[in-house]
Amino acid sequence: MTDFCLLVVAKAPVPGFAKTRLCPPASPEQAADIAAAALLDTLDAVAATPGARAVVAATGDFRQAACGAELGRALRETVVIPQRGNDLGERLANAHADAGTELPGLPIAQIGMDTPQVTPGLLTEAATALGMHDAALGLAEDGGWWSLGLRDPAQAKVLTGVPMSRRDTGKHTLSALTGAGLSVANLRRLSDVDTMRDAECVAKLAPGRFAEAVAAVRR
């Protein structure tokens, strides 16, 4: 496996700022704990992926985050860049561009912090697909997507025209990529974590910090 950029788009797991749709039944503090666990488990998978060079596009104050000390240690093993832009599509496009500046010439596989069940094998598949295609898209069960790989980070500009956080976001993203003339590989479909029901389903696939943080809500 040749080197590639693994771009993680992350929000600081601060109570009242992260994973608010888990409340209730989770308290804001428990929701932040779940978000922190999801990010830490994701960063563990990234660190274990051969050839991955990690870049984290971050927003929020990680000094106020749940599990702040542990997250600080994990983030020191990555390149951290700030998110910039007025909406999600613009922030994602800019994150790809900025990661490309940090690690020029490398293909980029982007994920978020909502799929803590992700494995080094899945991340390797996303990168490998870029050896044969211009892009790789992993759709999510809720109609969005959990991963976007691009051989050329400049192509992420198509995301600025995609309606985000909707049940048809994945469909529109695929249309934008193919409409730009890109060949697109389909990655495995995953469930991401938006609601407590999602969290409980994913926890069955992600033993460790995430499962423990979700179980704590029901105690």
C-alpha atoms as a PDB file:
ATOM      1  CA  MET A   1       0.000   0.000   0.000  1.00  0.00           C
ATOM      2  CA  THR A   2       1.414   3.380  -0.996  1.00  0.00           C
ATOM      3  CA  ASP A   3       0.904   6.359   1.280  1.00  0.00           C
ATOM      4  CA  PHE A   4      -2.391   8.218   1.232  1.00  0.00           C
ATOM      5  CA  CYS A   5      -3.974  10.984   3.261  1.00  0.00           C
ATOM      6  CA  LEU A   6      -6.674   9.882   5.680  1.00  0.00           C
ATOM      7  CA  LEU A   7      -8.712  12.994   6.412  1.00  0.00           C
ATOM      8  CA  VAL A   8     -10.897  12.932   9.530  1.00  0.00           C
ATOM      9  CA  VAL A   9     -13.488  15.695   9.829  1.00  0.00           C
ATOM     10  CA  ALA A  10     -14.136  16.198  13.541  1.00  0.00           C
ATOM     11  CA  LYS A  11     -16.079  18.380  15.958  1.00  0.00           C
ATOM     12  CA  ALA A  12     -14.799  18.906  19.491  1.00  0.00           C
ATOM     13  CA  PRO A  13     -16.894  16.709  21.816  1.00  0.00           C
ATOM     14  CA  VAL A  14     -18.007  19.530  24.091  1.00  0.00           C
ATOM     15  CA  PRO A  15     -21.234  19.117  26.086  1.00  0.00           C
ATOM     16  CA  GLY A  16     -24.054  20.958  24.333  1.00  0.00           C
ATOM     17  CA  PHE A  17     -22.016  21.221  21.099  1.00  0.00           C
ATOM     18  CA  ALA A  18     -21.532  17.634  19.932  1.00  0.00           C
ATOM     19  CA  LYS A  19     -24.075  14.881  19.297  1.00  0.00           C
ATOM     20  CA  THR A  20     -27.006  16.904  20.633  1.00  0.00           C
ATOM     21  CA  ARG A  21     -29.489  14.608  18.839  1.00  0.00           C
ATOM     22  CA  LEU A  22     -28.618  11.934  21.402  1.00  0.00           C
ATOM     23  CA  CYS A  23     -30.319  14.077  24.060  1.00  0.00           C
ATOM     24  CA  PRO A  24     -32.516  12.707  25.504  1.00  0.00           C
ATOM     25  CA  PRO A  25     -32.046  10.021  26.693  1.00  0.00           C
ATOM     26  CA  ALA A  26     -28.393  11.014  26.980  1.00  0.00           C
ATOM     27  CA  SER A  27     -27.450  14.101  28.956  1.00  0.00           C
ATOM     28  CA  PRO A  28     -25.260  16.671  27.161  1.00  0.00           C
ATOM     29  CA  GLU A  29     -22.290  15.325  29.109  1.00  0.00           C
ATOM     30  CA  GLN A  30     -23.039  11.727  28.139  1.00  0.00           C
ATOM     31  CA  ALA A  31     -23.508  12.763  24.498  1.00  0.00           C
ATOM     32  CA  ALA A  32     -20.085  14.429  24.593  1.00  0.00           C
ATOM     33  CA  ASP A  33     -18.584  11.271  26.103  1.00  0.00           C
ATOM     34  CA  ILE A  34     -20.075   9.215  23.255  1.00  0.00           C
ATOM     35  CA  ALA A  35     -18.718  11.669  20.676  1.00  0.00           C
ATOM     36  CA  ALA A  36     -15.266  11.574  22.273  1.00  0.00           C
ATOM     37  CA  ALA A  37     -15.284   7.777  22.318  1.00  0.00           C
ATOM     38  CA  ALA A  38     -16.333   7.691  18.658  1.00  0.00           C
ATOM     39  CA  LEU A  39     -13.497  10.011  17.671  1.00  0.00           C
ATOM     40  CA  LEU A  40     -10.910   8.134  19.729  1.00  0.00           C
ATOM     41  CA  ASP A  41     -11.951   4.758  18.288  1.00  0.00           C
ATOM     42  CA  THR A  42     -11.843   6.270  14.791  1.00  0.00           C
ATOM     43  CA  LEU A  43      -8.367   7.678  15.358  1.00  0.00           C
ATOM     44  CA  ASP A  44      -7.210   4.256  16.602  1.00  0.00           C
ATOM     45  CA  ALA A  45      -8.404   2.703  13.330  1.00  0.00           C
ATOM     46  CA  VAL A  46      -6.670   5.429  11.346  1.00  0.00           C
ATOM     47  CA  ALA A  47      -3.414   4.913  13.237  1.00  0.00           C
ATOM     48  CA  ALA A  48      -3.538   1.165  12.517  1.00  0.00           C
ATOM     49  CA  THR A  49      -4.119   1.598   8.767  1.00  0.00           C
ATOM     50  CA  PRO A  50      -0.997   0.868   6.673  1.00  0.00           C
ATOM     51  CA  GLY A  51       0.156   3.822   4.616  1.00  0.00           C
ATOM     52  CA  ALA A  52      -2.322   6.259   6.170  1.00  0.00           C
ATOM     53  CA  ARG A  53      -1.061   9.745   6.961  1.00  0.00           C
ATOM     54  CA  ALA A  54      -3.646  11.327   9.214  1.00  0.00           C
ATOM     55  CA  VAL A  55      -5.015  14.851   8.893  1.00  0.00           C
ATOM     56  CA  VAL A  56      -7.794  16.027  11.205  1.00  0.00           C
ATOM     57  CA  ALA A  57      -9.959  18.949  10.080  1.00  0.00           C
ATOM     58  CA  ALA A  58     -11.234  20.203  13.422  1.00  0.00           C
ATOM     59  CA  THR A  59     -13.822  22.641  14.692  1.00  0.00           C
ATOM     60  CA  GLY A  60     -14.666  23.618  18.252  1.00  0.00           C
ATOM     61  CA  ASP A  61     -12.623  24.012  21.417  1.00  0.00           C
ATOM     62  CA  PHE A  62     -10.860  20.757  22.199  1.00  0.00           C
ATOM     63  CA  ARG A  63      -9.624  22.280  25.478  1.00  0.00           C
ATOM     64  CA  GLN A  64     -13.224  22.002  26.729  1.00  0.00           C
ATOM     65  CA  ALA A  65     -13.825  18.554  25.255  1.00  0.00           C
ATOM     66  CA  ALA A  66     -14.744  15.359  27.014  1.00  0.00           C
ATOM     67  CA  CYS A  67     -11.686  13.081  27.310  1.00  0.00           C
ATOM     68  CA  GLY A  68      -9.621  16.156  26.480  1.00  0.00           C
ATOM     69  CA  ALA A  69      -6.274  14.799  27.667  1.00  0.00           C
ATOM     70  CA  GLU A  70      -6.648  11.522  25.775  1.00  0.00           C
ATOM     71  CA  LEU A  71      -7.819  13.319  22.645  1.00  0.00           C
ATOM     72  CA  GLY A  72      -4.890  15.721  22.915  1.00  0.00           C
ATOM     73  CA  ARG A  73      -2.441  12.820  22.916  1.00  0.00           C
ATOM     74  CA  ALA A  74      -4.157  11.185  19.929  1.00  0.00           C
ATOM     75  CA  LEU A  75      -4.300  14.414  17.926  1.00  0.00           C
ATOM     76  CA  ARG A  76      -0.582  15.027  18.442  1.00  0.00           C
ATOM     77  CA  GLU A  77      -0.019  11.996  16.188  1.00  0.00           C
ATOM     78  CA  THR A  78      -1.871  13.746  13.355  1.00  0.00           C
ATOM     79  CA  VAL A  79      -1.742  16.981  11.373  1.00  0.00           C
ATOM     80  CA  VAL A  80      -4.557  19.194  12.680  1.00  0.00           C
ATOM     81  CA  ILE A  81      -6.051  21.854  10.419  1.00  0.00           C
ATOM     82  CA  PRO A  82      -8.995  24.161  11.161  1.00  0.00           C
ATOM     83  CA  GLN A  83     -12.258  23.776   9.338  1.00  0.00           C
ATOM     84  CA  ARG A  84     -13.202  26.860   7.336  1.00  0.00           C
ATOM     85  CA  GLY A  85     -16.288  27.777   5.388  1.00  0.00           C
ATOM     86  CA  ASN A  86     -19.862  28.936   5.858  1.00  0.00           C
ATOM     87  CA  ASP A  87     -21.660  25.603   5.483  1.00  0.00           C
ATOM     88  CA  LEU A  88     -20.830  21.906   5.577  1.00  0.00           C
ATOM     89  CA  GLY A  89     -20.283  21.502   1.835  1.00  0.00           C
ATOM     90  CA  GLU A  90     -17.858  24.405   1.800  1.00  0.00           C
ATOM     91  CA  ARG A  91     -16.048  23.166   4.915  1.00  0.00           C
ATOM     92  CA  LEU A  92     -15.610  19.697   3.398  1.00  0.00           C
ATOM     93  CA  ALA A  93     -14.329  21.082   0.096  1.00  0.00           C
ATOM     94  CA  ASN A  94     -11.878  23.330   1.942  1.00  0.00           C
ATOM     95  CA  ALA A  95     -10.741  20.456   4.180  1.00  0.00           C
ATOM     96  CA  HIS A  96      -9.805  18.403   1.111  1.00  0.00           C
ATOM     97  CA  ALA A  97      -7.977  21.367  -0.403  1.00  0.00           C
ATOM     98  CA  ASP A  98      -6.106  22.136   2.821  1.00  0.00           C
ATOM     99  CA  ALA A  99      -5.194  18.485   3.387  1.00  0.00           C
ATOM    100  CA  GLY A 100      -3.877  18.413  -0.181  1.00  0.00           C
ATOM    101  CA  THR A 101      -1.681  21.389   0.640  1.00  0.00           C
ATOM    102  CA  GLU A 102      -0.354  19.658   3.768  1.00  0.00           C
ATOM    103  CA  LEU A 103       0.324  16.381   1.937  1.00  0.00           C
ATOM    104  CA  PRO A 104       0.697  17.287  -1.745  1.00  0.00           C
ATOM    105  CA  GLY A 105       0.377  14.575  -4.348  1.00  0.00           C
ATOM    106  CA  LEU A 106      -1.422  12.047  -2.144  1.00  0.00           C
ATOM    107  CA  PRO A 107      -4.941  10.754  -2.744  1.00  0.00           C
ATOM    108  CA  ILE A 108      -7.337  11.608   0.074  1.00  0.00           C
ATOM    109  CA  ALA A 109      -9.817   9.337   1.821  1.00  0.00           C
ATOM    110  CA  GLN A 110     -12.128  11.345   4.055  1.00  0.00           C
ATOM    111  CA  ILE A 111     -14.250  10.092   6.929  1.00  0.00           C
ATOM    112  CA  GLY A 112     -16.021  11.674   9.877  1.00  0.00           C
ATOM    113  CA  MET A 113     -16.332  10.678  13.523  1.00  0.00           C
ATOM    114  CA  ASP A 114     -19.774   9.060  13.199  1.00  0.00           C
ATOM    115  CA  THR A 115     -18.609   5.548  12.237  1.00  0.00           C
ATOM    116  CA  PRO A 116     -16.543   4.255  15.178  1.00  0.00           C
ATOM    117  CA  GLN A 117     -17.023   0.728  13.833  1.00  0.00           C
ATOM    118  CA  VAL A 118     -14.679   1.553  10.944  1.00  0.00           C
ATOM    119  CA  THR A 119     -11.660  -0.754  10.641  1.00  0.00           C
ATOM    120  CA  PRO A 120      -8.217  -0.489   9.068  1.00  0.00           C
ATOM    121  CA  GLY A 121      -9.478  -2.951   6.460  1.00  0.00           C
ATOM    122  CA  LEU A 122     -12.345  -0.671   5.424  1.00  0.00           C
ATOM    123  CA  LEU A 123     -10.043   2.335   5.293  1.00  0.00           C
ATOM    124  CA  THR A 124      -7.548   0.407   3.193  1.00  0.00           C
ATOM    125  CA  GLU A 125     -10.343  -0.523   0.781  1.00  0.00           C
ATOM    126  CA  ALA A 126     -11.219   3.168   0.388  1.00  0.00           C
ATOM    127  CA  ALA A 127      -7.625   4.037  -0.445  1.00  0.00           C
ATOM    128  CA  THR A 128      -7.100   1.063  -2.738  1.00  0.00           C
ATOM    129  CA  ALA A 129     -10.168   2.024  -4.777  1.00  0.00           C
ATOM    130  CA  LEU A 130      -8.450   5.291  -5.697  1.00  0.00           C
ATOM    131  CA  GLY A 131      -5.809   3.335  -7.579  1.00  0.00           C
ATOM    132  CA  MET A 132      -8.479   2.385 -10.117  1.00  0.00           C
ATOM    133  CA  HIS A 133     -11.049   5.197  -9.849  1.00  0.00           C
ATOM    134  CA  ASP A 134     -11.091   8.973  -9.558  1.00  0.00           C
ATOM    135  CA  ALA A 135     -13.314   8.799  -6.487  1.00  0.00           C
ATOM    136  CA  ALA A 136     -14.689   6.358  -3.930  1.00  0.00           C
ATOM    137  CA  LEU A 137     -17.970   6.897  -2.084  1.00  0.00           C
ATOM    138  CA  GLY A 138     -19.251   5.009   0.939  1.00  0.00           C
ATOM    139  CA  LEU A 139     -22.976   5.530   1.391  1.00  0.00           C
ATOM    140  CA  ALA A 140     -24.619   5.508   4.817  1.00  0.00           C
ATOM    141  CA  GLU A 141     -27.824   3.754   5.807  1.00  0.00           C
ATOM    142  CA  ASP A 142     -29.571   7.082   6.470  1.00  0.00           C
ATOM    143  CA  GLY A 143     -29.087   8.278   2.883  1.00  0.00           C
ATOM    144  CA  GLY A 144     -25.920  10.268   3.477  1.00  0.00           C
ATOM    145  CA  TRP A 145     -22.348   9.046   3.135  1.00  0.00           C
ATOM    146  CA  TRP A 146     -19.611   8.066   5.555  1.00  0.00           C
ATOM    147  CA  SER A 147     -16.537   8.210   3.314  1.00  0.00           C
ATOM    148  CA  LEU A 148     -15.402  10.116   0.255  1.00  0.00           C
ATOM    149  CA  GLY A 149     -12.112   9.379  -1.449  1.00  0.00           C
ATOM    150  CA  LEU A 150     -10.643  11.567  -4.169  1.00  0.00           C
ATOM    151  CA  ARG A 151      -7.526  11.080  -6.216  1.00  0.00           C
ATOM    152  CA  ASP A 152      -7.416  14.850  -6.820  1.00  0.00           C
ATOM    153  CA  PRO A 153      -8.513  16.910  -3.772  1.00  0.00           C
ATOM    154  CA  ALA A 154      -9.462  19.822  -6.016  1.00  0.00           C
ATOM    155  CA  GLN A 155     -12.451  17.771  -7.174  1.00  0.00           C
ATOM    156  CA  ALA A 156     -14.012  18.180  -3.728  1.00  0.00           C
ATOM    157  CA  LYS A 157     -15.288  21.545  -4.936  1.00  0.00           C
ATOM    158  CA  VAL A 158     -18.350  19.674  -6.255  1.00  0.00           C
ATOM    159  CA  LEU A 159     -19.497  19.313  -2.636  1.00  0.00           C
ATOM    160  CA  THR A 160     -20.329  23.013  -2.431  1.00  0.00           C
ATOM    161  CA  GLY A 161     -23.383  22.361  -4.595  1.00  0.00           C
ATOM    162  CA  VAL A 162     -24.609  19.282  -2.719  1.00  0.00           C
ATOM    163  CA  PRO A 163     -27.455  19.597  -0.161  1.00  0.00           C
ATOM    164  CA  MET A 164     -26.064  18.201   3.087  1.00  0.00           C
ATOM    165  CA  SER A 165     -27.575  16.378   6.062  1.00  0.00           C
ATOM    166  CA  ARG A 166     -30.556  15.048   4.091  1.00  0.00           C
ATOM    167  CA  ARG A 167     -31.795  11.594   3.218  1.00  0.00           C
ATOM    168  CA  ASP A 168     -30.778  12.178  -0.402  1.00  0.00           C
ATOM    169  CA  THR A 169     -27.321  13.636   0.261  1.00  0.00           C
ATOM    170  CA  GLY A 170     -25.597  10.433  -0.864  1.00  0.00           C
ATOM    171  CA  LYS A 171     -27.538  10.362  -4.126  1.00  0.00           C
ATOM    172  CA  HIS A 172     -26.765  14.017  -4.840  1.00  0.00           C
ATOM    173  CA  THR A 173     -23.084  13.515  -3.984  1.00  0.00           C
ATOM    174  CA  LEU A 174     -22.809  10.603  -6.403  1.00  0.00           C
ATOM    175  CA  SER A 175     -24.529  12.656  -9.105  1.00  0.00           C
ATOM    176  CA  ALA A 176     -22.165  15.579  -8.513  1.00  0.00           C
ATOM    177  CA  LEU A 177     -19.107  13.332  -8.806  1.00  0.00           C
ATOM    178  CA  THR A 178     -20.245  11.559 -11.957  1.00  0.00           C
ATOM    179  CA  GLY A 179     -21.479  14.850 -13.394  1.00  0.00           C
ATOM    180  CA  ALA A 180     -17.929  16.161 -13.063  1.00  0.00           C
ATOM    181  CA  GLY A 181     -16.759  13.247 -15.207  1.00  0.00           C
ATOM    182  CA  LEU A 182     -15.262  11.219 -12.357  1.00  0.00           C
ATOM    183  CA  SER A 183     -15.307   7.432 -12.184  1.00  0.00           C
ATOM    184  CA  VAL A 184     -16.651   6.430  -8.763  1.00  0.00           C
ATOM    185  CA  ALA A 185     -16.045   3.211  -6.794  1.00  0.00           C
ATOM    186  CA  ASN A 186     -18.775   2.131  -4.385  1.00  0.00           C
ATOM    187  CA  LEU A 187     -17.530   1.355  -0.881  1.00  0.00           C
ATOM    188  CA  ARG A 188     -19.387  -0.758   1.660  1.00  0.00           C
ATOM    189  CA  ARG A 189     -22.485   0.839   3.173  1.00  0.00           C
ATOM    190  CA  LEU A 190     -22.272   1.624   6.914  1.00  0.00           C
ATOM    191  CA  SER A 191     -24.559   2.981   9.607  1.00  0.00           C
ATOM    192  CA  ASP A 192     -23.494   6.265  11.125  1.00  0.00           C
ATOM    193  CA  VAL A 193     -24.447   7.680  14.522  1.00  0.00           C
ATOM    194  CA  ASP A 194     -27.038  10.439  14.646  1.00  0.00           C
ATOM    195  CA  THR A 195     -29.606   9.174  17.163  1.00  0.00           C
ATOM    196  CA  MET A 196     -29.445   7.033  20.284  1.00  0.00           C
ATOM    197  CA  ARG A 197     -30.961   4.146  18.342  1.00  0.00           C
ATOM    198  CA  ASP A 198     -28.110   4.478  15.816  1.00  0.00           C
ATOM    199  CA  ALA A 199     -25.588   4.566  18.651  1.00  0.00           C
ATOM    200  CA  GLU A 200     -26.942   1.378  20.212  1.00  0.00           C
ATOM    201  CA  CYS A 201     -26.853  -0.457  16.862  1.00  0.00           C
ATOM    202  CA  VAL A 202     -23.311   0.682  16.074  1.00  0.00           C
ATOM    203  CA  ALA A 203     -22.135  -0.139  19.610  1.00  0.00           C
ATOM    204  CA  LYS A 204     -22.789  -3.811  18.860  1.00  0.00           C
ATOM    205  CA  LEU A 205     -20.194  -3.529  16.060  1.00  0.00           C
ATOM    206  CA  ALA A 206     -17.706  -1.335  17.911  1.00  0.00           C
ATOM    207  CA  PRO A 207     -16.666  -2.871  21.224  1.00  0.00           C
ATOM    208  CA  GLY A 208     -14.403  -0.651  23.256  1.00  0.00           C
ATOM    209  CA  ARG A 209     -14.705   2.992  24.254  1.00  0.00           C
ATOM    210  CA  PHE A 210     -17.742   3.702  22.102  1.00  0.00           C
ATOM    211  CA  ALA A 211     -19.773   0.742  23.326  1.00  0.00           C
ATOM    212  CA  GLU A 212     -18.880   1.579  26.928  1.00  0.00           C
ATOM    213  CA  ALA A 213     -19.951   5.217  26.536  1.00  0.00           C
ATOM    214  CA  VAL A 214     -23.277   4.187  24.976  1.00  0.00           C
ATOM    215  CA  ALA A 215     -23.937   1.595  27.695  1.00  0.00           C
ATOM    216  CA  ALA A 216     -23.376   4.243  30.363  1.00  0.00           C
ATOM    217  CA  VAL A 217     -26.528   6.090  29.239  1.00  0.00           C
ATOM    218  CA  ARG A 218     -28.720   3.121  30.161  1.00  0.00           C
ATOM    219  CA  ARG A 219     -27.211   2.490  33.578  1.00  0.00           C
END
